Protein backbone atom coordinates (compact mmCIF):
# COMPACT_ATOMS: atom_id res chain seq x y z
CA UNK A 1 106.72 0.92 -62.39
CA UNK A 2 110.48 0.60 -62.92
CA UNK A 3 110.07 -0.44 -66.54
CA UNK A 4 113.72 0.16 -67.44
CA UNK A 5 115.06 -3.38 -67.57
CA UNK A 6 118.65 -2.18 -67.32
CA UNK A 7 118.22 -0.66 -63.87
CA UNK A 8 119.42 -2.79 -60.99
CA UNK A 9 116.52 -3.51 -58.65
CA UNK A 10 117.51 -4.36 -55.11
CA UNK A 11 115.63 -7.39 -53.76
CA UNK A 12 114.13 -6.84 -50.33
CA UNK A 13 115.90 -9.98 -49.09
CA UNK A 14 119.21 -8.15 -49.48
CA UNK A 15 118.31 -5.95 -46.51
CA UNK A 16 116.26 -8.25 -44.29
CA UNK A 17 113.34 -6.96 -42.19
CA UNK A 18 115.23 -4.82 -39.67
CA UNK A 19 117.73 -3.54 -42.18
CA UNK A 20 114.88 -2.59 -44.50
CA UNK A 21 113.08 -0.62 -41.78
CA UNK A 22 116.30 1.20 -40.89
CA UNK A 23 116.93 1.97 -44.56
CA UNK A 24 113.42 3.30 -45.18
CA UNK A 25 113.19 5.45 -42.04
CA UNK A 26 116.75 6.71 -41.52
CA UNK A 27 116.05 10.23 -42.85
CA UNK A 28 112.75 10.88 -41.11
CA UNK A 29 112.55 13.76 -38.63
CA UNK A 30 110.53 14.13 -35.43
CA UNK A 31 108.32 17.19 -34.88
CA UNK A 32 106.23 16.60 -31.75
CA UNK A 33 107.18 16.74 -28.09
CA UNK A 34 104.61 14.00 -27.43
CA UNK A 35 107.00 11.54 -29.13
CA UNK A 36 109.38 10.27 -26.47
CA UNK A 37 110.68 7.18 -28.28
CA UNK A 38 110.27 6.52 -31.98
CA UNK A 39 111.42 3.70 -34.28
CA UNK A 40 114.17 1.42 -33.03
CA UNK A 41 112.68 -0.42 -30.06
CA UNK A 42 109.85 -2.92 -29.51
CA UNK A 43 107.35 -0.10 -29.20
CA UNK A 44 107.20 3.66 -29.46
CA UNK A 45 106.71 5.72 -26.29
CA UNK A 46 104.30 8.67 -26.37
CA UNK A 47 103.33 11.34 -23.82
CA UNK A 48 99.72 12.52 -24.08
CA UNK A 49 100.46 15.56 -21.89
CA UNK A 50 97.13 15.21 -20.06
CA UNK A 51 95.10 15.22 -23.27
CA UNK A 52 92.72 12.63 -24.65
CA UNK A 53 94.32 10.16 -27.09
CA UNK A 54 92.56 9.40 -30.38
CA UNK A 55 93.57 6.41 -32.52
CA UNK A 56 92.37 5.41 -35.98
CA UNK A 57 93.42 2.79 -38.53
CA UNK A 58 93.05 2.52 -42.31
CA UNK A 59 94.11 -0.16 -44.79
CA UNK A 60 94.78 0.40 -48.50
CA UNK A 61 94.85 -2.66 -50.75
CA UNK A 62 96.22 -2.83 -54.29
CA UNK A 63 93.52 -3.09 -56.99
CA UNK A 64 90.83 -2.22 -54.46
CA UNK A 65 91.89 1.18 -53.12
CA UNK A 66 94.53 2.05 -55.72
CA UNK A 67 95.73 0.98 -59.16
CA UNK A 68 99.48 1.11 -59.68
CA UNK A 69 99.04 1.43 -63.43
CA UNK A 70 98.38 5.13 -62.92
CA UNK A 71 99.20 5.77 -59.24
CA UNK A 72 102.81 6.89 -58.69
CA UNK A 73 104.27 5.20 -55.63
CA UNK A 74 105.39 8.49 -54.10
CA UNK A 75 101.86 9.84 -54.43
CA UNK A 76 100.53 6.64 -52.84
CA UNK A 77 102.77 7.15 -49.82
CA UNK A 78 101.64 10.76 -49.46
CA UNK A 79 97.98 9.86 -49.84
CA UNK A 80 98.29 7.12 -47.23
CA UNK A 81 99.27 9.71 -44.63
CA UNK A 82 96.40 12.01 -45.67
CA UNK A 83 93.89 9.16 -45.41
CA UNK A 84 95.10 8.39 -41.89
CA UNK A 85 95.30 11.87 -40.41
CA UNK A 86 91.97 12.99 -41.90
CA UNK A 87 90.11 10.73 -39.45
CA UNK A 88 91.76 12.47 -36.49
CA UNK A 89 91.13 15.93 -37.97
CA UNK A 90 87.45 14.97 -38.36
CA UNK A 91 87.17 14.73 -34.58
CA UNK A 92 88.66 18.20 -34.07
CA UNK A 93 91.96 16.79 -32.81
CA UNK A 94 95.58 17.23 -33.86
CA UNK A 95 97.33 14.20 -35.44
CA UNK A 96 100.91 13.81 -34.27
CA UNK A 97 102.08 10.23 -34.87
CA UNK A 98 101.57 7.49 -37.44
CA UNK A 99 102.59 3.84 -37.69
CA UNK A 100 102.93 2.34 -41.17
CA UNK A 101 102.79 -1.39 -41.89
CA UNK A 102 103.38 -2.70 -45.40
CA UNK A 103 102.82 -6.16 -46.85
CA UNK A 104 104.56 -6.45 -50.20
CA UNK A 105 105.11 -9.14 -52.81
CA UNK A 106 108.47 -10.08 -54.29
CA UNK A 107 107.71 -8.25 -57.53
CA UNK A 108 108.55 -5.00 -55.72
CA UNK A 109 112.23 -4.10 -55.27
CA UNK A 110 113.60 -1.93 -52.46
CA UNK A 111 113.51 1.04 -54.84
CA UNK A 112 109.71 0.79 -54.96
CA UNK A 113 109.55 1.01 -51.19
CA UNK A 114 111.93 3.96 -51.33
CA UNK A 115 109.39 5.76 -53.52
CA UNK A 116 106.51 5.00 -51.14
CA UNK A 117 108.50 6.19 -48.14
CA UNK A 118 109.59 9.31 -50.01
CA UNK A 119 105.89 10.19 -50.27
CA UNK A 120 105.31 9.32 -46.62
CA UNK A 121 108.27 11.48 -45.60
CA UNK A 122 107.06 14.41 -47.69
CA UNK A 123 103.63 14.24 -46.05
CA UNK A 124 105.14 13.91 -42.57
CA UNK A 125 107.30 16.97 -43.16
CA UNK A 126 104.37 18.98 -44.51
CA UNK A 127 101.92 18.07 -41.74
CA UNK A 128 104.53 17.82 -38.94
CA UNK A 129 103.71 14.17 -38.26
CA UNK A 130 106.08 11.68 -36.60
CA UNK A 131 106.43 8.19 -38.06
CA UNK A 132 107.02 6.18 -34.89
CA UNK A 133 106.65 2.54 -35.90
CA UNK A 134 105.07 -0.13 -38.05
CA UNK A 135 105.98 -3.39 -39.69
CA UNK A 136 106.96 -4.95 -43.01
CA UNK A 137 106.07 -8.43 -44.20
CA UNK A 138 105.66 -10.41 -47.40
CA UNK A 139 102.40 -10.71 -49.31
CA UNK A 140 100.94 -13.02 -51.93
CA UNK A 141 98.34 -10.38 -52.85
CA UNK A 142 100.49 -7.52 -54.10
CA UNK A 143 100.80 -4.36 -52.02
CA UNK A 144 98.88 -3.68 -48.80
CA UNK A 145 99.48 -0.61 -46.63
CA UNK A 146 98.05 -0.05 -43.16
CA UNK A 147 98.30 3.25 -41.33
CA UNK A 148 97.52 3.78 -37.65
CA UNK A 149 97.20 7.42 -36.66
CA UNK A 150 97.43 8.89 -33.17
CA UNK A 151 96.13 12.32 -32.25
CA UNK A 152 95.43 14.43 -29.19
CA UNK A 153 92.78 16.86 -28.00
CA UNK A 154 91.38 18.32 -24.84
CA UNK A 155 88.32 16.35 -23.79
CA UNK A 156 86.03 19.33 -24.28
CA UNK A 157 87.33 19.94 -27.81
CA UNK A 158 86.55 16.51 -29.27
CA UNK A 159 83.65 16.52 -31.72
CA UNK A 160 81.71 13.31 -32.38
CA UNK A 161 79.18 12.37 -35.04
CA UNK A 162 76.26 12.33 -32.60
CA UNK A 163 75.91 15.98 -31.59
CA UNK A 164 73.79 17.48 -34.39
CA UNK A 165 70.47 19.03 -33.36
CA UNK A 166 67.39 19.93 -35.43
CA UNK A 167 67.86 23.24 -37.28
CA UNK A 168 71.66 23.02 -37.10
CA UNK A 169 73.34 24.18 -40.31
CA UNK A 170 75.25 21.62 -42.40
CA UNK A 171 78.61 22.99 -43.55
CA UNK A 172 81.37 21.60 -45.77
CA UNK A 173 84.94 22.74 -46.38
CA UNK A 174 86.45 23.28 -49.83
CA UNK A 175 84.81 21.81 -52.92
CA UNK A 176 83.60 18.32 -53.71
CA UNK A 177 83.67 15.75 -56.51
CA UNK A 178 87.20 16.36 -57.75
CA UNK A 179 88.63 13.03 -56.59
CA UNK A 180 85.74 11.05 -58.11
CA UNK A 181 86.02 12.66 -61.52
CA UNK A 182 89.80 12.44 -61.40
CA UNK A 183 89.37 8.69 -60.97
CA UNK A 184 86.98 8.55 -63.93
CA UNK A 185 89.57 10.26 -66.13
CA UNK A 186 92.34 7.91 -64.99
CA UNK A 187 90.20 4.82 -65.54
CA UNK A 188 89.20 5.99 -69.01
CA UNK A 189 92.83 6.61 -69.99
CA UNK A 190 93.84 3.26 -68.53
CA UNK A 191 91.34 1.49 -70.78
CA UNK A 192 92.65 3.46 -73.78
CA UNK A 193 96.25 2.60 -72.87
CA UNK A 194 95.46 -1.12 -72.68
CA UNK A 195 93.95 -0.91 -76.17
CA UNK A 196 96.91 1.07 -77.54
CA UNK A 197 100.07 1.22 -75.35
CA UNK A 198 101.59 3.81 -77.69
CA UNK A 199 98.80 6.28 -76.96
CA UNK A 200 99.94 9.27 -74.90
CA UNK A 201 97.02 10.89 -73.05
CA UNK A 202 96.65 14.66 -72.86
CA UNK A 203 95.63 15.37 -69.28
CA UNK A 204 96.22 19.13 -69.19
CA UNK A 205 92.50 19.84 -68.84
CA UNK A 206 92.21 17.66 -65.73
CA UNK A 207 95.14 18.77 -63.55
CA UNK A 208 93.01 19.77 -60.56
CA UNK A 209 90.97 16.58 -60.66
CA UNK A 210 94.06 14.36 -60.92
CA UNK A 211 95.65 16.10 -57.96
CA UNK A 212 92.51 15.62 -55.90
CA UNK A 213 92.59 11.89 -56.66
CA UNK A 214 96.31 11.14 -56.56
CA UNK A 215 97.55 13.68 -54.00
CA UNK A 216 94.69 14.93 -51.82
CA UNK A 217 95.32 17.21 -48.87
CA UNK A 218 94.02 16.89 -45.31
CA UNK A 219 92.23 19.90 -43.79
CA UNK A 220 94.49 20.09 -40.76
CA UNK A 221 94.05 23.87 -40.52
CA UNK A 222 90.29 23.70 -39.92
CA UNK A 223 90.51 23.23 -36.13
CA UNK A 224 92.45 26.46 -35.63
CA UNK A 225 90.33 28.33 -38.14
CA UNK A 226 87.11 27.42 -36.37
CA UNK A 227 88.61 28.40 -33.03
CA UNK A 228 89.68 31.78 -34.39
CA UNK A 229 86.16 32.36 -35.73
CA UNK A 230 84.63 31.18 -32.42
CA UNK A 231 82.54 28.63 -34.30
CA UNK A 232 81.45 25.58 -32.30
CA UNK A 233 80.60 22.49 -34.41
CA UNK A 234 78.07 20.10 -32.91
CA UNK A 235 79.03 17.10 -35.10
CA UNK A 236 81.78 16.36 -37.60
CA UNK A 237 82.99 13.75 -40.11
CA UNK A 238 85.42 13.64 -43.03
CA UNK A 239 84.26 12.97 -46.58
CA UNK A 240 85.98 9.75 -47.61
CA UNK A 241 83.05 7.65 -48.88
CA UNK A 242 80.89 10.27 -50.61
CA UNK A 243 78.75 13.15 -49.33
CA UNK A 244 75.55 11.10 -49.14
CA UNK A 245 77.21 8.37 -47.09
CA UNK A 246 78.68 10.84 -44.61
CA UNK A 247 75.39 12.71 -44.21
CA UNK A 248 73.64 9.43 -43.45
CA UNK A 249 76.29 8.64 -40.81
CA UNK A 250 75.65 11.97 -39.09
CA UNK A 251 71.90 11.41 -39.40
CA UNK A 252 72.03 7.97 -37.81
CA UNK A 253 74.39 8.92 -34.98
CA UNK A 254 72.66 12.23 -34.17
CA UNK A 255 69.09 10.95 -34.68
CA UNK A 256 68.21 13.81 -37.01
CA UNK A 257 67.49 14.18 -40.72
CA UNK A 258 69.15 16.49 -43.22
CA UNK A 259 67.94 18.51 -46.17
CA UNK A 260 70.67 19.64 -48.54
CA UNK A 261 70.32 21.99 -51.50
CA UNK A 262 71.71 21.03 -54.89
CA UNK A 263 72.64 24.60 -55.79
CA UNK A 264 74.61 25.07 -52.55
CA UNK A 265 77.04 22.17 -53.09
CA UNK A 266 80.51 23.61 -53.90
CA UNK A 267 82.07 22.21 -57.09
CA UNK A 268 85.11 23.25 -59.12
CA UNK A 269 84.59 24.15 -62.78
CA UNK A 270 86.68 21.13 -63.82
CA UNK A 271 84.21 18.90 -61.97
CA UNK A 272 81.27 20.41 -63.84
CA UNK A 273 82.91 20.29 -67.29
CA UNK A 274 84.27 16.76 -66.83
CA UNK A 275 80.94 15.49 -65.55
CA UNK A 276 79.33 16.84 -68.73
CA UNK A 277 82.01 15.12 -70.79
CA UNK A 278 81.18 11.78 -69.14
CA UNK A 279 77.42 12.35 -69.33
CA UNK A 280 77.13 12.30 -65.54
CA UNK A 281 75.26 14.74 -63.32
CA UNK A 282 78.09 16.31 -61.26
CA UNK A 283 75.99 16.09 -58.11
CA UNK A 284 75.85 12.31 -58.59
CA UNK A 285 79.64 12.23 -58.42
CA UNK A 286 79.69 14.43 -55.33
CA UNK A 287 77.09 12.36 -53.48
CA UNK A 288 78.60 8.98 -54.27
CA UNK A 289 82.27 9.48 -55.14
CA UNK A 290 84.25 10.16 -51.98
CA UNK A 291 87.99 10.59 -51.38
CA UNK A 292 87.77 14.38 -51.21
CA UNK A 293 88.87 14.35 -47.52
CA UNK A 294 87.03 17.58 -46.87
CA UNK A 295 85.30 18.08 -43.51
CA UNK A 296 81.51 17.99 -43.07
CA UNK A 297 80.12 19.45 -39.86
CA UNK A 298 77.08 21.02 -38.23
CA UNK A 299 76.83 24.29 -36.30
CA UNK A 300 73.99 25.99 -34.41
CA UNK A 301 71.97 28.33 -36.61
CA UNK A 302 72.93 31.15 -34.23
CA UNK A 303 76.48 30.96 -35.61
CA UNK A 304 75.43 31.50 -39.24
CA UNK A 305 76.81 35.04 -39.44
CA UNK A 306 80.26 33.94 -38.27
CA UNK A 307 80.74 31.58 -41.18
CA UNK A 308 78.56 32.80 -44.07
CA UNK A 309 81.20 34.93 -45.82
CA UNK A 310 84.24 32.73 -45.22
CA UNK A 311 85.52 31.25 -48.52
CA UNK A 312 86.69 28.05 -46.79
CA UNK A 313 83.13 26.98 -45.95
CA UNK A 314 79.82 26.38 -47.72
CA UNK A 315 76.48 26.00 -45.94
CA UNK A 316 74.73 23.27 -47.92
CA UNK A 317 71.68 22.43 -45.80
CA UNK A 318 70.24 21.97 -42.34
CA UNK A 319 69.20 19.31 -39.86
CA UNK A 320 65.55 18.34 -39.38
CA UNK A 321 63.54 16.47 -36.75
CA UNK A 322 62.07 13.80 -39.02
CA UNK A 323 65.15 11.55 -39.46
CA UNK A 324 64.71 11.67 -43.25
CA UNK A 325 67.43 12.85 -45.60
CA UNK A 326 66.75 14.68 -48.86
CA UNK A 327 68.46 16.44 -51.72
CA UNK A 328 66.38 19.45 -52.75
CA UNK A 329 66.89 19.98 -56.48
CA UNK A 330 67.70 23.28 -58.09
CA UNK A 331 64.76 25.12 -59.67
CA UNK A 332 62.05 22.49 -59.23
CA UNK A 333 62.57 22.11 -55.46
CA UNK A 334 61.99 18.37 -55.76
CA UNK A 335 62.83 16.33 -52.64
CA UNK A 336 64.96 13.31 -53.59
CA UNK A 337 65.75 10.79 -50.80
CA UNK A 338 69.47 10.48 -50.10
CA UNK A 339 70.97 7.00 -50.43
CA UNK A 340 74.55 5.90 -49.93
CA UNK A 341 75.62 4.51 -53.31
CA UNK A 342 79.32 5.18 -53.00
CA UNK A 343 82.19 3.11 -51.65
CA UNK A 344 81.42 -0.06 -49.69
CA UNK A 345 84.28 -2.04 -48.18
CA UNK A 346 82.42 -5.31 -48.72
CA UNK A 347 80.62 -5.69 -52.02
CA UNK A 348 77.50 -7.85 -52.09
CA UNK A 349 77.21 -10.54 -54.72
């Protein structure tokens, strides 16, 4: 990060808090009529237009959620927005505003924040999201970013985690495991770099995986797609902590079990080949990896024909009455209990 010693690096103190906020946000555009007052006052002013308001919050901490050795700051800014809006999308709502708060140590110059906000701005432009507020402060712990996301939906459109019924089909968007194996590649190359800083990694065989890890995309189009297909999900969640973890959340909230089929889980060829390279079963990465930000949802079995041929969706299992969750293996049809072994915010000693 800014290794050229000859470049002038602007200390944050040169701007001050309010000057820094003005500098970082001066080129941001507004896209939504629900934003009445944005940055520049004590609070933003929003108009829900008689819809329900959904609010979520996420915090990303340096060396826990990201490693700046291999995470470009612009990508980090973009990913922060995706992490935030995915929670709103996972409730079948439309995200429209975000607030970004950053705690940053004095090792970061203004130019580093410019890079982060360039990524935030790019994501806001792509997803038509308004940045309407936030805060900046100093930190003794490196870089910490918090995003609060605000979305809207008609009351009858909101989908919770607790609506799945026995025999409902379990459906996932896109493909899974890319972010996890992208992280494995980055961590391996980071270890090699520490051993030999002159080593230049060849990452051409991992481009898809690296993009899934460093610059994931939110599935903001899914709401409209489901409406067009007249598909009515009964429960929904985004895949941030691993497929197994998210299935167990739906199971607990809906009071049902799930059986999923190993050979139905969608995986990119780079996931399969890289898993083999690392000596890992690719399904293990899918179940426990997370950060794919795909959408997992259930639908009534009566809607099977509406969705079965759509390339955006894969039916991977079904809900059961027994509150037990299993992976059914390919070929042998062995029932393996599902356990959440992926990301935990608080590690146990």
